[in-house]
């Protein structure tokens, strides 16, 4: 050897680092996606409860329930300021009862909790959910 010391990484060392980063990313990314879905679901549950409040307020003024979304009194999606993760609807309404529903859409369509449902009695439920998932798992 001529006494010159070379510095740097070998290709093998670089490939090991890249492989470790790929393994960490493959573990972390699905967890990140689930947290984003959980956040959007939480926003939708809040939107349904807000919609229920508007339904009750409208009932006190008119002595009957009506579709406040169709009347333009409440937004039809959640969140309202970005791309919709849930479409809000009043699928069933009578003079004395109502059912509200948040239907998954877009990237939220794969959410394990399915669609969120709330009725005038305050009963919180889910439909079209993955097997083994309960309403308690999805409503916070």
Protein backbone atom coordinates (compact mmCIF):
# COMPACT_ATOMS: atom_id res chain seq x y z
CA UNK A 1 0.00 0.00 0.00
CA UNK A 2 1.19 3.48 -0.66
CA UNK A 3 -0.07 4.94 2.65
CA UNK A 4 -3.16 6.71 1.30
CA UNK A 5 -6.26 6.04 3.43
CA UNK A 6 -9.50 6.17 1.46
CA UNK A 7 -12.69 7.39 3.10
CA UNK A 8 -16.31 6.66 2.22
CA UNK A 9 -18.89 3.94 2.10
CA UNK A 10 -18.76 0.74 0.18
CA UNK A 11 -21.66 -0.24 -2.03
CA UNK A 12 -22.55 -3.08 0.36
CA UNK A 13 -22.78 -0.69 3.33
CA UNK A 14 -24.98 1.66 1.34
CA UNK A 15 -27.29 -1.19 0.26
CA UNK A 16 -27.64 -2.35 3.89
CA UNK A 17 -28.72 1.15 4.94
CA UNK A 18 -31.22 1.38 2.08
CA UNK A 19 -32.64 -2.04 3.00
CA UNK A 20 -33.03 -1.02 6.66
CA UNK A 21 -34.83 2.19 5.67
CA UNK A 22 -37.15 0.21 3.39
CA UNK A 23 -37.98 -2.24 6.19
CA UNK A 24 -38.74 0.59 8.62
CA UNK A 25 -40.89 2.38 6.05
CA UNK A 26 -42.87 -0.79 5.28
CA UNK A 27 -43.73 -1.05 8.97
CA UNK A 28 -44.42 2.64 9.63
CA UNK A 29 -46.47 3.58 6.55
CA UNK A 30 -49.48 1.30 7.17
CA UNK A 31 -49.63 2.54 10.75
CA UNK A 32 -49.56 6.12 9.49
CA UNK A 33 -52.38 5.39 7.03
CA UNK A 34 -54.54 3.89 9.80
CA UNK A 35 -54.00 6.97 11.97
CA UNK A 36 -55.08 9.22 9.08
CA UNK A 37 -58.23 7.10 8.60
CA UNK A 38 -58.91 7.25 12.35
CA UNK A 39 -58.59 11.04 12.29
CA UNK A 40 -61.01 11.35 9.35
CA UNK A 41 -63.42 8.98 11.09
CA UNK A 42 -63.27 11.10 14.24
CA UNK A 43 -64.04 14.20 12.18
CA UNK A 44 -67.04 12.39 10.65
CA UNK A 45 -68.40 11.34 14.05
CA UNK A 46 -68.18 14.97 15.14
CA UNK A 47 -69.92 16.07 11.94
CA UNK A 48 -72.76 13.59 12.54
CA UNK A 49 -73.19 14.84 16.10
CA UNK A 50 -73.20 18.42 14.82
CA UNK A 51 -75.78 17.44 12.21
CA UNK A 52 -77.91 15.86 14.97
CA UNK A 53 -77.70 19.13 16.91
CA UNK A 54 -78.93 21.06 13.87
CA UNK A 55 -81.76 18.53 13.41
CA UNK A 56 -82.82 19.03 17.05
CA UNK A 57 -82.58 22.81 16.82
CA UNK A 58 -84.66 22.78 13.64
CA UNK A 59 -87.20 20.50 15.36
CA UNK A 60 -87.63 22.98 18.23
CA UNK A 61 -88.42 25.71 15.72
CA UNK A 62 -90.71 23.71 13.41
CA UNK A 63 -92.09 20.91 15.66
CA UNK A 64 -91.08 18.37 13.02
CA UNK A 65 -87.87 16.83 11.70
CA UNK A 66 -86.79 17.51 8.13
CA UNK A 67 -83.71 16.93 5.98
CA UNK A 68 -81.57 19.92 7.00
CA UNK A 69 -78.90 18.99 4.44
CA UNK A 70 -81.41 19.27 1.59
CA UNK A 71 -82.65 22.52 3.15
CA UNK A 72 -79.09 23.89 2.98
CA UNK A 73 -78.68 24.21 6.74
CA UNK A 74 -75.76 21.78 7.04
CA UNK A 75 -72.85 20.63 4.89
CA UNK A 76 -73.15 17.37 2.97
CA UNK A 77 -69.58 16.18 3.48
CA UNK A 78 -66.91 15.76 6.10
CA UNK A 79 -64.50 17.47 6.24
CA UNK A 80 -66.06 20.52 4.63
CA UNK A 81 -62.83 22.32 3.69
CA UNK A 82 -60.91 19.56 1.87
CA UNK A 83 -61.64 16.47 -0.23
CA UNK A 84 -64.55 14.54 1.25
CA UNK A 85 -63.76 11.46 3.32
CA UNK A 86 -67.43 10.97 4.20
CA UNK A 87 -70.65 12.04 2.50
CA UNK A 88 -73.30 13.03 5.03
CA UNK A 89 -76.93 12.12 4.43
CA UNK A 90 -80.33 11.96 6.10
CA UNK A 91 -81.57 8.67 4.61
CA UNK A 92 -84.63 8.40 6.85
CA UNK A 93 -86.65 11.24 8.33
CA UNK A 94 -90.21 11.42 9.62
CA UNK A 95 -92.01 14.05 11.69
CA UNK A 96 -90.73 12.43 14.91
CA UNK A 97 -87.60 10.40 14.00
CA UNK A 98 -84.49 10.59 11.88
CA UNK A 99 -81.45 8.56 10.92
CA UNK A 100 -78.17 10.19 9.89
CA UNK A 101 -75.43 8.47 7.96
CA UNK A 102 -71.82 9.20 7.02
CA UNK A 103 -70.91 7.17 3.92
CA UNK A 104 -67.22 6.52 3.27
CA UNK A 105 -65.75 7.91 0.07
CA UNK A 106 -62.37 8.44 -1.55
CA UNK A 107 -59.37 7.14 0.39
CA UNK A 108 -61.63 6.46 3.39
CA UNK A 109 -63.54 3.80 1.40
CA UNK A 110 -61.22 1.09 2.77
CA UNK A 111 -61.77 2.06 6.40
CA UNK A 112 -62.47 -1.01 8.54
CA UNK A 113 -65.29 0.72 10.42
CA UNK A 114 -67.63 1.04 7.48
CA UNK A 115 -70.28 3.75 7.36
CA UNK A 116 -71.32 5.59 10.52
CA UNK A 117 -74.97 5.87 11.58
CA UNK A 118 -76.65 8.01 14.25
CA UNK A 119 -80.37 8.27 15.02
CA UNK A 120 -82.62 10.63 16.97
CA UNK A 121 -82.37 8.44 20.11
CA UNK A 122 -78.59 8.93 20.09
CA UNK A 123 -77.88 5.34 19.06
CA UNK A 124 -74.51 5.11 17.35
CA UNK A 125 -73.90 2.23 14.97
CA UNK A 126 -71.90 1.17 11.93
CA UNK A 127 -72.79 -0.65 8.71
CA UNK A 128 -70.67 -2.37 6.05
CA UNK A 129 -67.79 -2.80 8.52
CA UNK A 130 -65.07 -5.46 8.51
CA UNK A 131 -65.77 -8.66 10.43
CA UNK A 132 -65.32 -8.35 14.17
CA UNK A 133 -65.47 -4.53 14.26
CA UNK A 134 -68.03 -3.03 16.65
CA UNK A 135 -69.52 0.45 16.99
CA UNK A 136 -67.50 0.94 20.19
CA UNK A 137 -64.32 0.45 18.15
CA UNK A 138 -65.30 3.24 15.78
CA UNK A 139 -67.20 5.88 17.76
CA UNK A 140 -64.93 7.77 20.18
